[in-house]
């Protein structure tokens, strides 16, 4: 395995880790795993936001270390995808509010 291939594999592993954690948060929401503990929809949203920001920050920190640079960049990209999903949800929410006449 060449060095470029190893770096690409590590970056994909970092991205896959972040996306896997974010998808697990969505799955936990869909199945409503923590319903018995009193979790509502808001707590699952917080979980997704925390996972997204944590992946972005941790990926940025790992990208500084030479041996973890590729994995960190992939992790940061996965966190960025989560943040973009959150921003798209916010924009969609306000678009629907304005379209339906709830905001003057």
Foldseek 3Di string as FASTA:
>chain_A
DDPVVVLVVLLQVLLCVLLVQLVVLVVCVVVVVCVVVPDDPVVSVVSLLCSLVVLLVQLVVQCVDPVRNSSSNSSNVNSVVSVVVVVVVVVVVVVVCVVVPVDD
